[in-house]
Amino acid sequence: MKTKLTLNLDKDTIEKAREYAKERRQSLSQMVEIFFKFITGGERKEEDFSPLVKELSGIVRVDETFDPEEEYTKYLIEKYR
């Protein structure tokens, strides 16, 4: 069930947020809801993701043995040698 929420924000902040949302093809309401879910530990659903993220999902395939932590460690070792 959706409930209306009124927020009082600085005009410049609202304009910047609108631009940000437009670039990501989301509404301000979606962005605020996702933010609230994030800070309260709520569960994110597929519809919470922007159309761009949905479009890019699944493009990269990774081997099952790929370990991101191990790869990041290797990267850092090389970077700071």
PDB file of N, CA and C in Angstrom:
ATOM      1  N   MET A   1       0.840  -1.176   0.000  1.00  0.00           N
ATOM      2  CA  MET A   1       0.000   0.000   0.000  1.00  0.00           C
ATOM      3  C   MET A   1       0.892   1.248   0.000  1.00  0.00           C
ATOM      4  N   LYS A   2       0.639   2.133  -0.920  1.00  0.00           N
ATOM      5  CA  LYS A   2       1.406   3.367  -1.023  1.00  0.00           C
ATOM      6  C   LYS A   2       0.728   4.455  -0.199  1.00  0.00           C
ATOM      7  N   THR A   3       1.534   5.275   0.468  1.00  0.00           N
ATOM      8  CA  THR A   3       1.051   6.389   1.270  1.00  0.00           C
ATOM      9  C   THR A   3       1.800   7.637   0.854  1.00  0.00           C
ATOM     10  N   LYS A   4       1.097   8.738   0.767  1.00  0.00           N
ATOM     11  CA  LYS A   4       1.710   9.995   0.360  1.00  0.00           C
ATOM     12  C   LYS A   4       2.552  10.566   1.497  1.00  0.00           C
ATOM     13  N   LEU A   5       3.712  11.164   1.132  1.00  0.00           N
ATOM     14  CA  LEU A   5       4.616  11.782   2.087  1.00  0.00           C
ATOM     15  C   LEU A   5       4.985  13.154   1.559  1.00  0.00           C
ATOM     16  N   THR A   6       4.900  14.166   2.399  1.00  0.00           N
ATOM     17  CA  THR A   6       5.293  15.516   2.004  1.00  0.00           C
ATOM     18  C   THR A   6       6.617  15.854   2.657  1.00  0.00           C
ATOM     19  N   LEU A   7       7.564  16.320   1.834  1.00  0.00           N
ATOM     20  CA  LEU A   7       8.878  16.701   2.336  1.00  0.00           C
ATOM     21  C   LEU A   7       9.125  18.171   2.029  1.00  0.00           C
ATOM     22  N   ASN A   8       9.771  18.867   2.940  1.00  0.00           N
ATOM     23  CA  ASN A   8      10.171  20.248   2.712  1.00  0.00           C
ATOM     24  C   ASN A   8      11.685  20.274   2.547  1.00  0.00           C
ATOM     25  N   LEU A   9      12.119  20.565   1.303  1.00  0.00           N
ATOM     26  CA  LEU A   9      13.534  20.559   0.986  1.00  0.00           C
ATOM     27  C   LEU A   9      13.916  21.845   0.267  1.00  0.00           C
ATOM     28  N   ASP A  10      15.190  22.146   0.297  1.00  0.00           N
ATOM     29  CA  ASP A  10      15.730  23.289  -0.408  1.00  0.00           C
ATOM     30  C   ASP A  10      15.456  23.141  -1.913  1.00  0.00           C
ATOM     31  N   LYS A  11      15.071  24.234  -2.570  1.00  0.00           N
ATOM     32  CA  LYS A  11      14.708  24.193  -3.987  1.00  0.00           C
ATOM     33  C   LYS A  11      15.852  23.657  -4.854  1.00  0.00           C
ATOM     34  N   ASP A  12      17.084  24.103  -4.588  1.00  0.00           N
ATOM     35  CA  ASP A  12      18.233  23.633  -5.370  1.00  0.00           C
ATOM     36  C   ASP A  12      18.436  22.128  -5.212  1.00  0.00           C
ATOM     37  N   THR A  13      18.239  21.653  -4.011  1.00  0.00           N
ATOM     38  CA  THR A  13      18.388  20.218  -3.748  1.00  0.00           C
ATOM     39  C   THR A  13      17.361  19.422  -4.551  1.00  0.00           C
ATOM     40  N   ILE A  14      16.147  19.919  -4.591  1.00  0.00           N
ATOM     41  CA  ILE A  14      15.084  19.244  -5.337  1.00  0.00           C
ATOM     42  C   ILE A  14      15.422  19.207  -6.825  1.00  0.00           C
ATOM     43  N   GLU A  15      15.878  20.319  -7.367  1.00  0.00           N
ATOM     44  CA  GLU A  15      16.225  20.373  -8.788  1.00  0.00           C
ATOM     45  C   GLU A  15      17.358  19.408  -9.123  1.00  0.00           C
ATOM     46  N   LYS A  16      18.371  19.368  -8.275  1.00  0.00           N
ATOM     47  CA  LYS A  16      19.484  18.444  -8.502  1.00  0.00           C
ATOM     48  C   LYS A  16      19.012  16.989  -8.410  1.00  0.00           C
ATOM     49  N   ALA A  17      18.135  16.729  -7.464  1.00  0.00           N
ATOM     50  CA  ALA A  17      17.605  15.375  -7.301  1.00  0.00           C
ATOM     51  C   ALA A  17      16.762  14.981  -8.511  1.00  0.00           C
ATOM     52  N   ARG A  18      15.993  15.921  -9.041  1.00  0.00           N
ATOM     53  CA  ARG A  18      15.195  15.641 -10.251  1.00  0.00           C
ATOM     54  C   ARG A  18      16.098  15.301 -11.426  1.00  0.00           C
ATOM     55  N   GLU A  19      17.167  16.063 -11.598  1.00  0.00           N
ATOM     56  CA  GLU A  19      18.116  15.797 -12.680  1.00  0.00           C
ATOM     57  C   GLU A  19      18.748  14.415 -12.497  1.00  0.00           C
ATOM     58  N   TYR A  20      19.146  14.131 -11.267  1.00  0.00           N
ATOM     59  CA  TYR A  20      19.760  12.837 -10.955  1.00  0.00           C
ATOM     60  C   TYR A  20      18.798  11.696 -11.294  1.00  0.00           C
ATOM     61  N   ALA A  21      17.549  11.847 -10.875  1.00  0.00           N
ATOM     62  CA  ALA A  21      16.536  10.819 -11.130  1.00  0.00           C
ATOM     63  C   ALA A  21      16.292  10.659 -12.633  1.00  0.00           C
ATOM     64  N   LYS A  22      16.215  11.765 -13.332  1.00  0.00           N
ATOM     65  CA  LYS A  22      15.966  11.721 -14.771  1.00  0.00           C
ATOM     66  C   LYS A  22      17.091  10.984 -15.496  1.00  0.00           C
ATOM     67  N   GLU A  23      18.336  11.251 -15.103  1.00  0.00           N
ATOM     68  CA  GLU A  23      19.487  10.580 -15.706  1.00  0.00           C
ATOM     69  C   GLU A  23      19.420   9.075 -15.499  1.00  0.00           C
ATOM     70  N   ARG A  24      18.839   8.654 -14.398  1.00  0.00           N
ATOM     71  CA  ARG A  24      18.755   7.236 -14.072  1.00  0.00           C
ATOM     72  C   ARG A  24      17.402   6.632 -14.426  1.00  0.00           C
ATOM     73  N   ARG A  25      16.579   7.427 -15.095  1.00  0.00           N
ATOM     74  CA  ARG A  25      15.246   6.986 -15.525  1.00  0.00           C
ATOM     75  C   ARG A  25      14.416   6.457 -14.358  1.00  0.00           C
ATOM     76  N   GLN A  26      14.414   7.236 -13.268  1.00  0.00           N
ATOM     77  CA  GLN A  26      13.626   6.900 -12.081  1.00  0.00           C
ATOM     78  C   GLN A  26      12.843   8.132 -11.650  1.00  0.00           C
ATOM     79  N   SER A  27      11.824   7.913 -10.857  1.00  0.00           N
ATOM     80  CA  SER A  27      11.106   9.041 -10.274  1.00  0.00           C
ATOM     81  C   SER A  27      11.741   9.388  -8.930  1.00  0.00           C
ATOM     82  N   LEU A  28      11.478  10.606  -8.476  1.00  0.00           N
ATOM     83  CA  LEU A  28      11.971  10.991  -7.147  1.00  0.00           C
ATOM     84  C   LEU A  28      11.373  10.096  -6.074  1.00  0.00           C
ATOM     85  N   SER A  29      10.120   9.746  -6.241  1.00  0.00           N
ATOM     86  CA  SER A  29       9.469   8.869  -5.258  1.00  0.00           C
ATOM     87  C   SER A  29      10.185   7.530  -5.153  1.00  0.00           C
ATOM     88  N   GLN A  30      10.556   6.964  -6.302  1.00  0.00           N
ATOM     89  CA  GLN A  30      11.289   5.694  -6.282  1.00  0.00           C
ATOM     90  C   GLN A  30      12.622   5.853  -5.563  1.00  0.00           C
ATOM     91  N   MET A  31      13.320   6.942  -5.866  1.00  0.00           N
ATOM     92  CA  MET A  31      14.620   7.166  -5.234  1.00  0.00           C
ATOM     93  C   MET A  31      14.498   7.294  -3.728  1.00  0.00           C
ATOM     94  N   VAL A  32      13.521   8.050  -3.267  1.00  0.00           N
ATOM     95  CA  VAL A  32      13.330   8.249  -1.824  1.00  0.00           C
ATOM     96  C   VAL A  32      12.957   6.927  -1.159  1.00  0.00           C
ATOM     97  N   GLU A  33      12.077   6.164  -1.799  1.00  0.00           N
ATOM     98  CA  GLU A  33      11.675   4.883  -1.225  1.00  0.00           C
ATOM     99  C   GLU A  33      12.868   3.932  -1.115  1.00  0.00           C
ATOM    100  N   ILE A  34      13.678   3.870  -2.161  1.00  0.00           N
ATOM    101  CA  ILE A  34      14.857   3.000  -2.145  1.00  0.00           C
ATOM    102  C   ILE A  34      15.829   3.451  -1.058  1.00  0.00           C
ATOM    103  N   PHE A  35      16.016   4.763  -0.928  1.00  0.00           N
ATOM    104  CA  PHE A  35      16.904   5.292   0.112  1.00  0.00           C
ATOM    105  C   PHE A  35      16.399   4.900   1.496  1.00  0.00           C
ATOM    106  N   PHE A  36      15.105   5.072   1.734  1.00  0.00           N
ATOM    107  CA  PHE A  36      14.544   4.708   3.035  1.00  0.00           C
ATOM    108  C   PHE A  36      14.704   3.211   3.305  1.00  0.00           C
ATOM    109  N   LYS A  37      14.516   2.394   2.290  1.00  0.00           N
ATOM    110  CA  LYS A  37      14.707   0.950   2.466  1.00  0.00           C
ATOM    111  C   LYS A  37      16.161   0.661   2.819  1.00  0.00           C
ATOM    112  N   PHE A  38      17.073   1.360   2.158  1.00  0.00           N
ATOM    113  CA  PHE A  38      18.493   1.152   2.400  1.00  0.00           C
ATOM    114  C   PHE A  38      18.858   1.495   3.842  1.00  0.00           C
ATOM    115  N   ILE A  39      18.442   2.661   4.325  1.00  0.00           N
ATOM    116  CA  ILE A  39      18.850   3.082   5.673  1.00  0.00           C
ATOM    117  C   ILE A  39      18.129   2.335   6.776  1.00  0.00           C
ATOM    118  N   THR A  40      16.972   1.742   6.453  1.00  0.00           N
ATOM    119  CA  THR A  40      16.244   1.005   7.486  1.00  0.00           C
ATOM    120  C   THR A  40      16.466  -0.500   7.393  1.00  0.00           C
ATOM    121  N   GLY A  41      17.291  -0.919   6.431  1.00  0.00           N
ATOM    122  CA  GLY A  41      17.563  -2.346   6.286  1.00  0.00           C
ATOM    123  C   GLY A  41      16.431  -3.104   5.653  1.00  0.00           C
ATOM    124  N   GLY A  42      15.528  -2.405   4.984  1.00  0.00           N
ATOM    125  CA  GLY A  42      14.401  -3.056   4.319  1.00  0.00           C
ATOM    126  C   GLY A  42      14.851  -3.859   3.114  1.00  0.00           C
ATOM    127  N   GLU A  43      14.002  -4.767   2.700  1.00  0.00           N
ATOM    128  CA  GLU A  43      14.317  -5.641   1.579  1.00  0.00           C
ATOM    129  C   GLU A  43      14.116  -4.908   0.257  1.00  0.00           C
ATOM    130  N   ARG A  44      15.122  -5.004  -0.617  1.00  0.00           N
ATOM    131  CA  ARG A  44      15.016  -4.396  -1.949  1.00  0.00           C
ATOM    132  C   ARG A  44      14.451  -5.419  -2.914  1.00  0.00           C
ATOM    133  N   LYS A  45      13.558  -4.960  -3.759  1.00  0.00           N
ATOM    134  CA  LYS A  45      12.945  -5.832  -4.758  1.00  0.00           C
ATOM    135  C   LYS A  45      13.460  -5.437  -6.128  1.00  0.00           C
ATOM    136  N   GLU A  46      13.208  -6.287  -7.110  1.00  0.00           N
ATOM    137  CA  GLU A  46      13.696  -6.023  -8.465  1.00  0.00           C
ATOM    138  C   GLU A  46      13.198  -4.686  -8.987  1.00  0.00           C
ATOM    139  N   GLU A  47      11.966  -4.316  -8.666  1.00  0.00           N
ATOM    140  CA  GLU A  47      11.428  -3.046  -9.171  1.00  0.00           C
ATOM    141  C   GLU A  47      12.106  -1.824  -8.545  1.00  0.00           C
ATOM    142  N   ASP A  48      12.892  -2.030  -7.474  1.00  0.00           N
ATOM    143  CA  ASP A  48      13.627  -0.932  -6.856  1.00  0.00           C
ATOM    144  C   ASP A  48      14.808  -0.472  -7.710  1.00  0.00           C
ATOM    145  N   PHE A  49      15.258  -1.329  -8.600  1.00  0.00           N
ATOM    146  CA  PHE A  49      16.409  -0.984  -9.413  1.00  0.00           C
ATOM    147  C   PHE A  49      15.985  -0.147 -10.605  1.00  0.00           C
ATOM    148  N   SER A  50      16.840   0.794 -10.969  1.00  0.00           N
ATOM    149  CA  SER A  50      16.527   1.670 -12.100  1.00  0.00           C
ATOM    150  C   SER A  50      16.482   0.856 -13.384  1.00  0.00           C
ATOM    151  N   PRO A  51      15.789   1.362 -14.404  1.00  0.00           N
ATOM    152  CA  PRO A  51      15.756   0.661 -15.689  1.00  0.00           C
ATOM    153  C   PRO A  51      17.155   0.404 -16.252  1.00  0.00           C
ATOM    154  N   LEU A  52      18.070   1.341 -16.030  1.00  0.00           N
ATOM    155  CA  LEU A  52      19.431   1.160 -16.528  1.00  0.00           C
ATOM    156  C   LEU A  52      20.100  -0.035 -15.864  1.00  0.00           C
ATOM    157  N   VAL A  53      19.958  -0.166 -14.549  1.00  0.00           N
ATOM    158  CA  VAL A  53      20.552  -1.301 -13.833  1.00  0.00           C
ATOM    159  C   VAL A  53      19.909  -2.599 -14.305  1.00  0.00           C
ATOM    160  N   LYS A  54      18.590  -2.594 -14.477  1.00  0.00           N
ATOM    161  CA  LYS A  54      17.902  -3.793 -14.966  1.00  0.00           C
ATOM    162  C   LYS A  54      18.412  -4.172 -16.350  1.00  0.00           C
ATOM    163  N   GLU A  55      18.617  -3.158 -17.186  1.00  0.00           N
ATOM    164  CA  GLU A  55      19.099  -3.397 -18.550  1.00  0.00           C
ATOM    165  C   GLU A  55      20.490  -4.014 -18.556  1.00  0.00           C
ATOM    166  N   LEU A  56      21.344  -3.578 -17.631  1.00  0.00           N
ATOM    167  CA  LEU A  56      22.721  -4.063 -17.586  1.00  0.00           C
ATOM    168  C   LEU A  56      22.872  -5.385 -16.827  1.00  0.00           C
ATOM    169  N   SER A  57      21.870  -5.750 -16.052  1.00  0.00           N
ATOM    170  CA  SER A  57      21.943  -6.979 -15.252  1.00  0.00           C
ATOM    171  C   SER A  57      22.119  -8.195 -16.142  1.00  0.00           C
ATOM    172  N   GLY A  58      23.057  -9.027 -15.772  1.00  0.00           N
ATOM    173  CA  GLY A  58      23.258 -10.279 -16.483  1.00  0.00           C
ATOM    174  C   GLY A  58      24.131 -10.181 -17.721  1.00  0.00           C
ATOM    175  N   ILE A  59      24.642  -8.998 -18.037  1.00  0.00           N
ATOM    176  CA  ILE A  59      25.481  -8.847 -19.223  1.00  0.00           C
ATOM    177  C   ILE A  59      26.811  -9.559 -19.031  1.00  0.00           C
ATOM    178  N   VAL A  60      27.386  -9.422 -17.851  1.00  0.00           N
ATOM    179  CA  VAL A  60      28.691 -10.022 -17.580  1.00  0.00           C
ATOM    180  C   VAL A  60      28.484 -11.387 -16.927  1.00  0.00           C
ATOM    181  N   ARG A  61      29.129 -12.360 -17.488  1.00  0.00           N
ATOM    182  CA  ARG A  61      29.084 -13.715 -16.919  1.00  0.00           C
ATOM    183  C   ARG A  61      30.413 -13.983 -16.227  1.00  0.00           C
ATOM    184  N   VAL A  62      30.356 -14.558 -15.039  1.00  0.00           N
ATOM    185  CA  VAL A  62      31.572 -14.842 -14.285  1.00  0.00           C
ATOM    186  C   VAL A  62      31.643 -16.333 -14.008  1.00  0.00           C
ATOM    187  N   ASP A  63      32.857 -16.846 -14.034  1.00  0.00           N
ATOM    188  CA  ASP A  63      33.096 -18.250 -13.726  1.00  0.00           C
ATOM    189  C   ASP A  63      32.667 -18.508 -12.279  1.00  0.00           C
ATOM    190  N   GLU A  64      32.136 -19.686 -12.015  1.00  0.00           N
ATOM    191  CA  GLU A  64      31.681 -20.035 -10.658  1.00  0.00           C
ATOM    192  C   GLU A  64      32.805 -20.005  -9.640  1.00  0.00           C
ATOM    193  N   THR A  65      34.032 -20.191 -10.093  1.00  0.00           N
ATOM    194  CA  THR A  65      35.168 -20.213  -9.165  1.00  0.00           C
ATOM    195  C   THR A  65      35.695 -18.809  -8.875  1.00  0.00           C
ATOM    196  N   PHE A  66      35.132 -17.792  -9.508  1.00  0.00           N
ATOM    197  CA  PHE A  66      35.580 -16.415  -9.314  1.00  0.00           C
ATOM    198  C   PHE A  66      35.319 -15.970  -7.882  1.00  0.00           C
ATOM    199  N   ASP A  67      36.365 -15.462  -7.228  1.00  0.00           N
ATOM    200  CA  ASP A  67      36.256 -14.971  -5.855  1.00  0.00           C
ATOM    201  C   ASP A  67      36.589 -13.476  -5.861  1.00  0.00           C
ATOM    202  N   PRO A  68      35.579 -12.610  -5.740  1.00  0.00           N
ATOM    203  CA  PRO A  68      35.820 -11.169  -5.824  1.00  0.00           C
ATOM    204  C   PRO A  68      36.805 -10.661  -4.769  1.00  0.00           C
ATOM    205  N   GLU A  69      36.744 -11.199  -3.569  1.00  0.00           N
ATOM    206  CA  GLU A  69      37.665 -10.753  -2.511  1.00  0.00           C
ATOM    207  C   GLU A  69      39.108 -11.098  -2.868  1.00  0.00           C
ATOM    208  N   GLU A  70      39.312 -12.289  -3.396  1.00  0.00           N
ATOM    209  CA  GLU A  70      40.655 -12.715  -3.780  1.00  0.00           C
ATOM    210  C   GLU A  70      41.168 -11.836  -4.922  1.00  0.00           C
ATOM    211  N   GLU A  71      40.325 -11.552  -5.896  1.00  0.00           N
ATOM    212  CA  GLU A  71      40.733 -10.723  -7.030  1.00  0.00           C
ATOM    213  C   GLU A  71      41.043  -9.295  -6.580  1.00  0.00           C
ATOM    214  N   TYR A  72      40.256  -8.790  -5.653  1.00  0.00           N
ATOM    215  CA  TYR A  72      40.496  -7.439  -5.147  1.00  0.00           C
ATOM    216  C   TYR A  72      41.809  -7.381  -4.369  1.00  0.00           C
ATOM    217  N   THR A  73      42.085  -8.425  -3.601  1.00  0.00           N
ATOM    218  CA  THR A  73      43.351  -8.498  -2.865  1.00  0.00           C
ATOM    219  C   THR A  73      44.527  -8.494  -3.835  1.00  0.00           C
ATOM    220  N   LYS A  74      44.424  -9.294  -4.901  1.00  0.00           N
ATOM    221  CA  LYS A  74      45.483  -9.317  -5.919  1.00  0.00           C
ATOM    222  C   LYS A  74      45.660  -7.924  -6.534  1.00  0.00           C
ATOM    223  N   TYR A  75      44.548  -7.281  -6.822  1.00  0.00           N
ATOM    224  CA  TYR A  75      44.590  -5.931  -7.399  1.00  0.00           C
ATOM    225  C   TYR A  75      45.329  -4.964  -6.470  1.00  0.00           C
ATOM    226  N   LEU A  76      45.002  -4.989  -5.195  1.00  0.00           N
ATOM    227  CA  LEU A  76      45.641  -4.082  -4.227  1.00  0.00           C
ATOM    228  C   LEU A  76      47.132  -4.373  -4.081  1.00  0.00           C
ATOM    229  N   ILE A  77      47.498  -5.646  -4.075  1.00  0.00           N
ATOM    230  CA  ILE A  77      48.905  -6.020  -3.975  1.00  0.00           C
ATOM    231  C   ILE A  77      49.674  -5.435  -5.156  1.00  0.00           C
ATOM    232  N   GLU A  78      49.125  -5.593  -6.353  1.00  0.00           N
ATOM    233  CA  GLU A  78      49.776  -5.042  -7.557  1.00  0.00           C
ATOM    234  C   GLU A  78      49.823  -3.515  -7.509  1.00  0.00           C
ATOM    235  N   LYS A  79      48.774  -2.919  -7.076  1.00  0.00           N
ATOM    236  CA  LYS A  79      48.672  -1.461  -7.066  1.00  0.00           C
ATOM    237  C   LYS A  79      49.700  -0.840  -6.142  1.00  0.00           C
ATOM    238  N   TYR A  80      49.910  -1.442  -4.976  1.00  0.00           N
ATOM    239  CA  TYR A  80      50.781  -0.825  -3.969  1.00  0.00           C
ATOM    240  C   TYR A  80      52.161  -1.473  -3.884  1.00  0.00           C
ATOM    241  N   ARG A  81      52.569  -2.160  -4.903  1.00  0.00           N
ATOM    242  CA  ARG A  81      53.928  -2.731  -4.926  1.00  0.00           C
ATOM    243  C   ARG A  81      54.937  -1.668  -5.117  1.00  0.00           C
TER     244      ARG A  81
END
